[in-house]
Protein backbone atom coordinates (compact mmCIF):
# COMPACT_ATOMS: atom_id res chain seq x y z
CA MET A 1 -11.16 -9.29 15.47
CA GLU A 2 -11.67 -11.82 18.23
CA LEU A 3 -9.43 -11.75 21.31
CA ILE A 4 -9.08 -14.76 23.60
CA PHE A 5 -8.21 -14.41 27.29
CA PHE A 6 -7.26 -17.43 29.37
CA THR A 7 -5.72 -18.29 32.71
CA SER A 8 -3.69 -21.46 33.02
CA THR A 9 -1.81 -23.23 35.77
CA ASN A 10 1.28 -25.33 35.23
CA ILE A 11 3.37 -27.51 37.52
CA GLU A 12 7.12 -27.75 36.97
CA SER A 13 9.70 -30.10 38.42
CA GLU A 14 11.94 -28.37 40.94
CA TRP A 15 14.94 -30.41 39.76
CA ASN A 16 15.01 -29.67 36.03
CA ASN A 17 12.19 -27.10 35.50
CA GLU A 18 10.36 -29.43 33.09
CA GLU A 19 6.62 -28.99 32.89
CA ILE A 20 4.78 -31.89 34.55
CA ALA A 21 1.15 -30.75 34.07
CA ARG A 22 -0.84 -27.82 32.67
CA SER A 23 -4.50 -26.88 32.97
CA THR A 24 -6.60 -24.01 31.63
CA ASN A 25 -8.60 -22.69 34.59
CA PHE A 26 -10.73 -20.04 32.90
CA ASP A 27 -11.20 -18.56 29.43
CA ASP A 28 -13.29 -15.93 27.66
CA TYR A 29 -13.33 -14.15 24.32
CA THR A 30 -14.19 -10.63 23.24
CA TRP A 31 -14.71 -8.76 19.99
CA SER A 32 -12.59 -5.81 18.99
CA TYR A 33 -12.73 -3.19 16.25
CA GLY A 34 -11.00 0.10 15.66
CA GLY A 35 -8.94 2.27 13.42
CA SER A 36 -5.45 3.55 12.88
CA ALA A 37 -3.57 6.42 11.30
CA GLY A 38 0.03 7.15 10.59
CA LEU A 39 2.59 9.49 9.08
CA LEU A 40 5.76 8.79 7.15
CA ILE A 41 8.06 11.80 7.49
CA LYS A 42 11.23 12.17 5.44
CA LEU A 43 14.03 13.21 7.77
CA ALA A 44 17.01 13.30 5.40
CA GLU A 45 18.46 11.93 2.20
CA GLY A 46 21.96 11.44 0.82
CA LEU A 47 23.60 10.60 4.17
CA GLY A 48 26.54 8.57 2.89
CA ASP A 49 25.48 4.92 2.74
CA VAL A 50 21.90 5.82 3.74
CA GLY A 51 19.90 6.92 0.72
CA VAL A 52 16.78 8.16 2.53
CA LEU A 53 15.88 8.29 6.26
CA TYR A 54 12.23 8.36 7.40
CA LEU A 55 10.38 8.63 10.71
CA ASP A 56 7.32 6.35 10.75
CA VAL A 57 4.67 7.32 13.36
CA LYS A 58 1.50 5.23 13.80
CA ALA A 59 -1.36 5.10 16.31
CA ARG A 60 -4.08 2.46 16.60
CA TYR A 61 -7.12 2.45 18.88
CA MET A 62 -9.08 -0.75 19.31
CA PHE A 63 -12.51 -0.68 20.96
CA GLY A 64 -13.10 -3.93 22.83
CA THR A 65 -16.06 -5.45 24.60
CA GLU A 66 -15.87 -6.69 28.21
CA ALA A 67 -14.01 -9.87 29.09
CA GLU A 68 -13.91 -11.98 32.21
CA TYR A 69 -10.57 -13.26 33.50
CA LEU A 70 -8.66 -14.39 36.56
CA ALA A 71 -5.68 -12.62 38.10
CA GLU A 72 -3.02 -13.92 40.45
CA GLY A 73 -4.74 -14.94 43.68
CA SER A 74 -8.18 -15.34 42.03
CA ILE A 75 -8.31 -19.11 42.61
CA ASN A 76 -9.11 -20.09 46.19
CA VAL A 77 -9.48 -23.61 47.58
CA ASP A 78 -11.62 -24.18 50.69
CA GLN A 79 -9.36 -26.12 53.08
CA ASN A 80 -12.34 -27.78 54.80
CA ASN A 81 -14.05 -29.43 51.82
CA GLY A 82 -11.66 -28.87 48.89
CA THR A 83 -14.07 -26.84 46.76
CA VAL A 84 -12.56 -24.32 44.37
CA HIS A 85 -13.82 -20.72 44.21
CA TYR A 86 -12.93 -18.34 41.38
CA ASP A 87 -12.91 -14.56 41.96
CA VAL A 88 -13.70 -13.56 38.38
CA LEU A 89 -12.67 -10.06 37.27
CA ARG A 90 -14.33 -8.15 34.43
CA SER A 91 -13.07 -5.18 32.44
CA LYS A 92 -13.17 -3.51 29.04
CA THR A 93 -10.51 -4.51 26.54
CA ASP A 94 -9.86 -1.18 24.79
CA LEU A 95 -6.28 -0.81 23.59
CA LEU A 96 -4.21 2.13 22.33
CA THR A 97 -0.86 1.40 20.69
CA ILE A 98 1.66 3.94 19.42
CA HIS A 99 4.49 2.91 17.09
CA LEU A 100 7.61 4.96 16.37
CA CYS A 101 10.10 3.66 13.86
CA VAL A 102 13.07 4.94 11.91
CA ILE A 103 13.36 3.56 8.37
CA ALA A 104 16.62 3.75 6.45
CA TYR A 105 16.98 2.87 2.77
CA PHE A 106 20.52 1.90 1.79
């Protein structure tokens, strides 16, 4: 899976909050792969209108490569000559997600 990171700047009107201009300042992409596992656990059945009630538990871990990006305050403009300097950050893009869900069949 390919992930895309980007930093953009937009200018909005102070009178009606409409966007006047937008620019992408920096972008990068990274590859990601991983695996997941889950359990579907029956909690109860025959609960009036609810036929069966389940607890769905899932976990996913995605291994990601490094990506470069900008954070708030990473764009600096030299007041003397107007040149723009980017303080580029770099980090791994690993991601762990955990999902808990209750499923009810009526």
